[in-house]
Protein backbone atom coordinates (compact mmCIF):
# COMPACT_ATOMS: atom_id res chain seq x y z
CA MET A 1 73.31 113.42 106.49
CA SER A 2 70.48 115.62 106.42
CA GLY A 3 68.90 116.45 102.87
CA ARG A 4 70.50 118.06 100.03
CA GLU A 5 70.14 121.55 100.82
CA ILE A 6 73.00 123.60 102.71
CA TYR A 7 74.39 127.04 103.07
CA LEU A 8 77.86 128.49 103.79
CA MET A 9 78.09 130.62 106.83
CA CYS A 10 80.63 131.37 109.26
CA ASP A 11 80.00 131.83 112.70
CA TYR A 12 82.23 131.53 115.75
CA GLY A 13 83.79 127.78 116.73
CA THR A 14 82.00 125.95 113.84
CA GLN A 15 82.42 124.99 110.72
CA PRO A 16 80.93 126.77 107.62
CA VAL A 17 78.65 124.52 106.43
CA TRP A 18 74.80 124.48 107.41
CA TRP A 19 72.18 122.26 106.73
CA ALA A 20 69.06 124.33 105.40
CA GLU A 21 66.50 122.08 106.15
CA ASN A 22 66.79 122.86 110.17
CA GLY A 23 69.75 125.25 110.64
CA VAL A 24 72.04 122.97 112.30
CA GLY A 25 75.92 123.44 111.51
CA GLY A 26 77.66 120.69 109.94
CA SER A 27 81.12 119.49 108.91
CA VAL A 28 82.93 120.07 105.38
CA ASP A 29 83.67 115.96 106.17
CA GLU A 30 79.80 115.23 105.59
CA LEU A 31 80.08 116.52 101.99
CA PRO A 32 81.41 115.10 98.64
CA LEU A 33 83.99 117.94 98.15
CA SER A 34 87.46 117.77 97.11
CA ALA A 35 90.01 118.01 99.90
CA GLU A 36 91.40 121.24 98.57
CA THR A 37 87.72 122.58 98.43
CA ARG A 38 87.58 121.45 102.06
CA SER A 39 90.89 122.92 103.21
CA GLN A 40 89.68 126.47 101.78
CA LEU A 41 86.38 126.25 103.54
CA LEU A 42 88.33 125.79 106.70
CA ALA A 43 90.63 128.60 106.13
CA TRP A 44 87.70 130.71 105.18
CA ALA A 45 86.10 130.20 108.61
CA ALA A 46 89.57 130.66 110.49
CA ARG A 47 89.56 134.09 108.54
CA TYR A 48 86.61 134.71 110.11
CA GLU A 49 87.40 133.80 113.46
CA SER A 50 90.38 136.17 113.46
CA GLY A 51 88.69 139.13 111.63
CA ALA A 52 85.16 139.53 112.77
CA THR A 53 84.51 140.82 116.75
CA ASP A 54 81.89 139.74 118.46
CA ASP A 55 79.62 142.17 117.27
CA ARG A 56 80.57 140.75 113.76
CA GLU A 57 82.51 144.00 113.02
CA TRP A 58 85.67 143.97 110.83
CA ALA A 59 88.52 146.33 111.16
CA SER A 60 87.86 147.50 107.83
CA ASP A 61 85.62 147.58 104.76
CA ARG A 62 88.30 146.34 102.81
CA GLU A 63 88.57 143.26 105.01
CA LEU A 64 85.10 142.67 105.03
CA ASP A 65 85.28 143.08 101.38
CA GLU A 66 87.46 140.38 100.78
CA PHE A 67 86.17 138.04 103.28
CA GLU A 68 82.88 138.29 101.12
CA ALA A 69 84.75 137.77 98.07
CA GLU A 70 86.30 134.77 99.11
CA GLY A 71 82.99 133.47 100.45
CA ILE A 72 81.08 134.05 97.15
CA ARG A 73 84.31 132.30 95.53
CA LEU A 74 83.99 129.59 97.54
CA TRP A 75 80.12 129.39 97.18
CA GLY A 76 80.88 128.94 93.39
CA LEU A 77 83.35 126.25 93.96
CA VAL A 78 80.84 124.28 96.04
CA ARG A 79 78.11 124.28 94.00
CA SER A 80 80.08 123.49 90.92
CA GLU A 81 81.65 120.50 92.88
CA LEU A 82 78.24 119.34 94.45
CA GLY A 83 76.14 119.62 91.01
CA SER A 84 72.54 120.08 90.17
CA GLU A 85 71.51 117.52 92.69
CA TRP A 86 72.40 120.18 95.59
CA ARG A 87 71.17 123.45 96.63
CA VAL A 88 73.58 125.71 98.01
CA GLY A 89 73.15 128.88 99.47
CA TYR A 90 75.37 131.48 101.02
CA HIS A 91 75.07 133.99 103.94
CA SER A 92 76.16 137.39 102.88
CA GLU A 93 78.08 139.46 105.65
CA ILE A 94 77.65 142.41 103.68
CA GLU A 95 73.67 141.99 102.50
CA GLY A 96 73.18 140.49 106.40
CA ARG A 97 70.96 137.70 104.50
CA ARG A 98 70.77 134.37 103.20
CA VAL A 99 70.95 133.74 99.52
CA TRP A 100 70.64 131.10 96.80
CA ASP A 101 71.12 132.45 93.47
CA PRO A 102 74.30 134.58 92.87
CA ASP A 103 71.87 136.98 91.07
CA GLU A 104 70.26 137.97 94.31
CA LEU A 105 73.65 139.65 95.20
CA PRO A 106 74.63 143.15 93.87
CA THR A 107 77.18 143.52 91.60
């Protein structure tokens, strides 16, 4: 396992966990997360695969907003489960960038 700094981001054909140190995709199984959280992360990634096009376009703003809201919820859950020994970021589809603190996102 590489470092204790990860971020959540969906991309085609990968799991939604990335090692921040080198930007390499990881597996939810590499993290000390509950089985339920792992399952939810994989469901979120599957939603991305079925919802976004190759151009990262969504069928509607509503679908994108719902996807983003679920990602932010999962980000909070992962941060809580991993605790303060981990730094957990999130790649916002709406903002088009990685954030490390929830205060970086618009409300």
